[in-house]
Protein backbone atom coordinates (compact mmCIF):
# COMPACT_ATOMS: atom_id res chain seq x y z
CA UNK A 1 -14.60 3.77 -15.25
CA UNK A 2 -15.93 1.21 -17.63
CA UNK A 3 -18.41 1.67 -20.44
CA UNK A 4 -21.29 1.34 -18.05
CA UNK A 5 -20.13 4.21 -15.89
CA UNK A 6 -18.88 1.93 -13.13
CA UNK A 7 -15.54 2.09 -11.44
CA UNK A 8 -13.02 -0.64 -12.41
CA UNK A 9 -13.09 -3.99 -10.58
CA UNK A 10 -10.78 -4.42 -7.55
CA UNK A 11 -8.40 -6.79 -9.48
CA UNK A 12 -6.33 -7.54 -6.29
CA UNK A 13 -5.91 -3.91 -5.29
CA UNK A 14 -5.60 -2.92 -1.64
CA UNK A 15 -5.26 0.42 0.02
CA UNK A 16 -3.21 2.00 2.76
CA UNK A 17 -3.60 5.42 4.39
CA UNK A 18 -1.09 8.02 5.50
CA UNK A 19 -1.09 11.54 6.97
CA UNK A 20 1.61 13.56 5.25
CA UNK A 21 0.66 16.30 2.76
CA UNK A 22 -0.26 19.91 2.46
CA UNK A 23 -1.81 22.48 0.20
CA UNK A 24 0.47 25.24 -1.07
CA UNK A 25 -0.41 28.70 -2.31
CA UNK A 26 -2.50 28.93 -5.38
CA UNK A 27 -1.42 30.63 -8.66
CA UNK A 28 -3.59 31.56 -11.61
CA UNK A 29 -6.50 29.51 -10.25
CA UNK A 30 -4.48 26.43 -9.70
CA UNK A 31 -3.27 24.95 -6.47
CA UNK A 32 -0.56 22.48 -5.40
CA UNK A 33 -1.24 19.60 -3.05
CA UNK A 34 2.05 17.94 -2.12
CA UNK A 35 2.90 14.99 0.12
CA UNK A 36 4.30 11.49 0.62
CA UNK A 37 1.51 8.98 -0.06
CA UNK A 38 3.84 5.93 0.26
CA UNK A 39 6.45 5.47 2.95
CA UNK A 40 9.11 2.77 3.24
CA UNK A 41 10.41 0.81 6.26
CA UNK A 42 7.60 1.82 8.57
CA UNK A 43 5.87 -1.18 10.20
CA UNK A 44 2.23 -0.75 10.76
CA UNK A 45 -0.76 -2.78 12.01
CA UNK A 46 -3.27 -4.16 9.50
CA UNK A 47 -6.61 -4.67 11.22
CA UNK A 48 -4.97 -6.46 14.18
CA UNK A 49 -4.25 -9.44 11.86
CA UNK A 50 -0.61 -8.71 10.90
CA UNK A 51 2.15 -6.24 10.81
CA UNK A 52 3.09 -4.84 7.40
CA UNK A 53 6.15 -3.02 6.04
CA UNK A 54 6.74 -1.64 2.58
CA UNK A 55 10.40 -2.33 1.77
CA UNK A 56 12.64 0.44 0.55
CA UNK A 57 12.59 0.53 -3.26
CA UNK A 58 9.34 -1.59 -3.52
CA UNK A 59 7.83 0.89 -5.87
CA UNK A 60 9.55 1.47 -9.24
CA UNK A 61 8.77 4.30 -11.61
CA UNK A 62 6.99 1.87 -14.00
CA UNK A 63 4.27 1.37 -11.38
CA UNK A 64 3.49 5.02 -11.33
CA UNK A 65 2.76 5.72 -15.08
CA UNK A 66 -1.06 5.97 -14.91
CA UNK A 67 -2.28 7.20 -11.53
CA UNK A 68 -5.22 9.42 -10.61
CA UNK A 69 -5.85 11.66 -7.58
CA UNK A 70 -9.28 11.40 -5.87
CA UNK A 71 -10.99 12.26 -2.60
CA UNK A 72 -11.85 9.25 -0.39
CA UNK A 73 -11.30 6.74 -3.28
CA UNK A 74 -14.50 7.92 -4.90
CA UNK A 75 -13.93 6.47 -8.44
CA UNK A 76 -17.44 7.55 -9.46
CA UNK A 77 -16.21 11.12 -9.57
CA UNK A 78 -13.75 12.83 -11.91
CA UNK A 79 -10.11 12.64 -10.67
CA UNK A 80 -8.71 16.02 -9.46
CA UNK A 81 -5.38 15.35 -11.28
CA UNK A 82 -3.67 12.47 -13.03
CA UNK A 83 -0.27 11.56 -14.41
CA UNK A 84 -1.43 11.13 -17.96
CA UNK A 85 -2.30 14.83 -18.27
CA UNK A 86 0.86 15.93 -16.44
CA UNK A 87 -1.02 17.50 -13.45
CA UNK A 88 -0.01 14.69 -11.02
CA UNK A 89 3.69 13.89 -10.59
CA UNK A 90 4.93 11.01 -8.50
CA UNK A 91 8.58 10.37 -7.74
CA UNK A 92 10.08 7.32 -5.98
CA UNK A 93 12.79 8.37 -3.55
CA UNK A 94 14.89 6.65 -0.87
CA UNK A 95 12.27 6.92 1.85
CA UNK A 96 8.97 6.67 -0.19
CA UNK A 97 7.02 8.08 -3.07
CA UNK A 98 6.42 11.85 -3.21
CA UNK A 99 3.55 13.52 -4.97
CA UNK A 100 2.78 16.96 -6.42
CA UNK A 101 -0.81 17.48 -7.64
CA UNK A 102 -1.87 20.53 -9.55
CA UNK A 103 -5.64 21.00 -8.98
CA UNK A 104 -8.01 23.47 -10.78
CA UNK A 105 -9.55 25.62 -8.02
CA UNK A 106 -12.31 26.71 -10.45
CA UNK A 107 -13.79 23.21 -9.74
CA UNK A 108 -15.86 23.40 -6.52
CA UNK A 109 -14.73 19.92 -5.39
CA UNK A 110 -11.08 20.68 -5.88
CA UNK A 111 -11.38 24.07 -4.16
CA UNK A 112 -13.28 22.60 -1.23
CA UNK A 113 -10.64 19.94 -0.76
CA UNK A 114 -7.83 22.51 -1.15
CA UNK A 115 -9.33 24.78 1.61
CA UNK A 116 -10.02 21.80 3.88
CA UNK A 117 -6.35 20.72 3.63
CA UNK A 118 -5.14 24.27 4.34
CA UNK A 119 -7.46 24.47 7.35
CA UNK A 120 -6.20 21.15 8.64
CA UNK A 121 -9.61 19.51 8.44
CA UNK A 122 -8.34 16.83 6.06
CA UNK A 123 -4.79 15.56 6.66
CA UNK A 124 -4.80 11.97 5.47
CA UNK A 125 -3.76 10.20 2.35
CA UNK A 126 -4.35 6.73 0.93
CA UNK A 127 -3.32 4.81 -2.04
CA UNK A 128 -4.61 1.78 -3.85
CA UNK A 129 -1.98 -0.68 -5.18
CA UNK A 130 -1.25 -4.31 -6.21
CA UNK A 131 1.34 -6.49 -4.54
CA UNK A 132 3.80 -8.28 -6.88
CA UNK A 133 6.32 -9.52 -4.24
CA UNK A 134 6.13 -10.22 -0.56
CA UNK A 135 7.83 -12.05 2.27
CA UNK A 136 6.03 -13.50 5.41
CA UNK A 137 7.49 -14.38 8.78
CA UNK A 138 5.97 -15.60 12.06
CA UNK A 139 3.17 -17.35 10.27
CA UNK A 140 2.90 -19.90 13.05
CA UNK A 141 1.92 -17.02 15.44
CA UNK A 142 -1.26 -15.07 15.95
CA UNK A 143 0.45 -11.89 14.56
CA UNK A 144 2.56 -12.64 11.53
CA UNK A 145 4.59 -10.09 9.62
CA UNK A 146 4.27 -9.17 5.98
CA UNK A 147 7.06 -7.33 4.07
CA UNK A 148 6.01 -6.03 0.72
CA UNK A 149 9.05 -6.17 -1.55
CA UNK A 150 7.43 -5.09 -4.87
CA UNK A 151 4.37 -3.06 -5.85
CA UNK A 152 3.86 -3.37 -9.63
CA UNK A 153 0.83 -1.10 -10.03
CA UNK A 154 -0.50 1.95 -8.19
CA UNK A 155 -4.09 2.77 -9.41
CA UNK A 156 -4.76 5.96 -7.47
CA UNK A 157 -4.02 8.08 -4.49
CA UNK A 158 -6.64 9.88 -2.39
CA UNK A 159 -7.12 12.47 0.23
CA UNK A 160 -9.10 10.82 3.04
CA UNK A 161 -11.14 12.03 6.08
CA UNK A 162 -10.05 9.76 8.88
CA UNK A 163 -6.44 8.59 9.02
CA UNK A 164 -5.79 6.37 12.09
CA UNK A 165 -2.41 7.84 13.03
CA UNK A 166 -0.69 11.19 12.90
CA UNK A 167 2.68 11.43 11.10
CA UNK A 168 3.28 8.92 8.31
CA UNK A 169 1.34 5.92 9.57
CA UNK A 170 -1.07 3.52 7.89
CA UNK A 171 -4.70 3.54 8.59
CA UNK A 172 -5.79 0.81 11.08
CA UNK A 173 -8.80 -0.49 9.15
CA UNK A 174 -10.67 -3.72 8.77
CA UNK A 175 -8.73 -6.41 6.91
CA UNK A 176 -9.67 -6.42 3.30
CA UNK A 177 -10.55 -9.55 1.37
CA UNK A 178 -7.23 -9.16 -0.54
CA UNK A 179 -5.31 -9.03 2.73
CA UNK A 180 -7.11 -12.08 4.09
CA UNK A 181 -6.31 -14.08 0.87
CA UNK A 182 -2.66 -12.97 1.02
CA UNK A 183 -2.34 -14.09 4.60
CA UNK A 184 -4.12 -17.38 4.05
CA UNK A 185 -2.03 -18.17 0.99
CA UNK A 186 1.12 -17.35 2.86
CA UNK A 187 0.16 -19.71 5.66
CA UNK A 188 -0.77 -22.50 3.22
CA UNK A 189 2.58 -22.15 1.40
CA UNK A 190 4.49 -22.15 4.71
CA UNK A 191 2.81 -25.43 5.68
CA UNK A 192 3.71 -26.91 2.29
CA UNK A 193 7.31 -25.84 2.70
CA UNK A 194 7.42 -27.28 6.26
CA UNK A 195 6.07 -30.68 4.98
CA UNK A 196 8.79 -30.78 2.26
CA UNK A 197 11.47 -30.22 4.89
CA UNK A 198 10.23 -32.78 7.32
CA UNK A 199 11.24 -35.96 5.41
CA UNK A 200 14.83 -34.68 5.03
CA UNK A 201 14.96 -33.91 8.76
CA UNK A 202 13.91 -37.58 9.41
CA UNK A 203 16.68 -38.86 7.14
CA UNK A 204 19.34 -36.77 8.95
CA UNK A 205 17.97 -37.99 12.31
CA UNK A 206 18.22 -41.71 11.25
CA UNK A 207 21.82 -41.11 10.07
CA UNK A 208 22.73 -39.62 13.40
CA UNK A 209 21.12 -42.64 15.25
CA UNK A 210 23.03 -45.09 13.07
CA UNK A 211 26.25 -43.25 13.69
CA UNK A 212 26.07 -43.24 17.41
CA UNK A 213 24.33 -46.56 17.96
CA UNK A 214 26.01 -48.77 15.38
CA UNK A 215 29.14 -46.80 14.42
CA UNK A 216 28.04 -46.57 10.90
């Protein structure tokens, strides 16, 4: 939060939700919540606008240095754990990013969340991140594909109420402003690249005409 008690501005951050974590047995008033908040190479639908896949290795350790663990992205509350105090660990592996959060069950909010996860009432995860590298295909169709090749910053991960899919799938939610801007920018760039290629195609066509019509 900033000095006025407000959460930080969006700054290009977008979020995705998954359903893969669990609460483990508590010891000495502390509980472990483990899971896989970020998965690689799993295409998912983003609001019906485009398909998205996070490429294997898109998240490097440097992007995971200052991450907090919340419930439902509620940045107005205190985080349940965070990497800077050593109670949240995140590890980038071959198939995704794994987490282990140690929560203080003496806190009523942490204890309620812990019990809800154990009971299976809450089984979703989400994370807020910033895209640093991406590849777009099929931009001339109604359903393009986005492949995120690099994530340079993960702000927070959250337990969430309503994941759209079971397993390790991303929540089908409304397209965010960041997603819309990314899609629009990709389409504009694709049009620019296409215009750059067209003159060269015309030159090659004229050469072929000259070759077959005039023997040049």
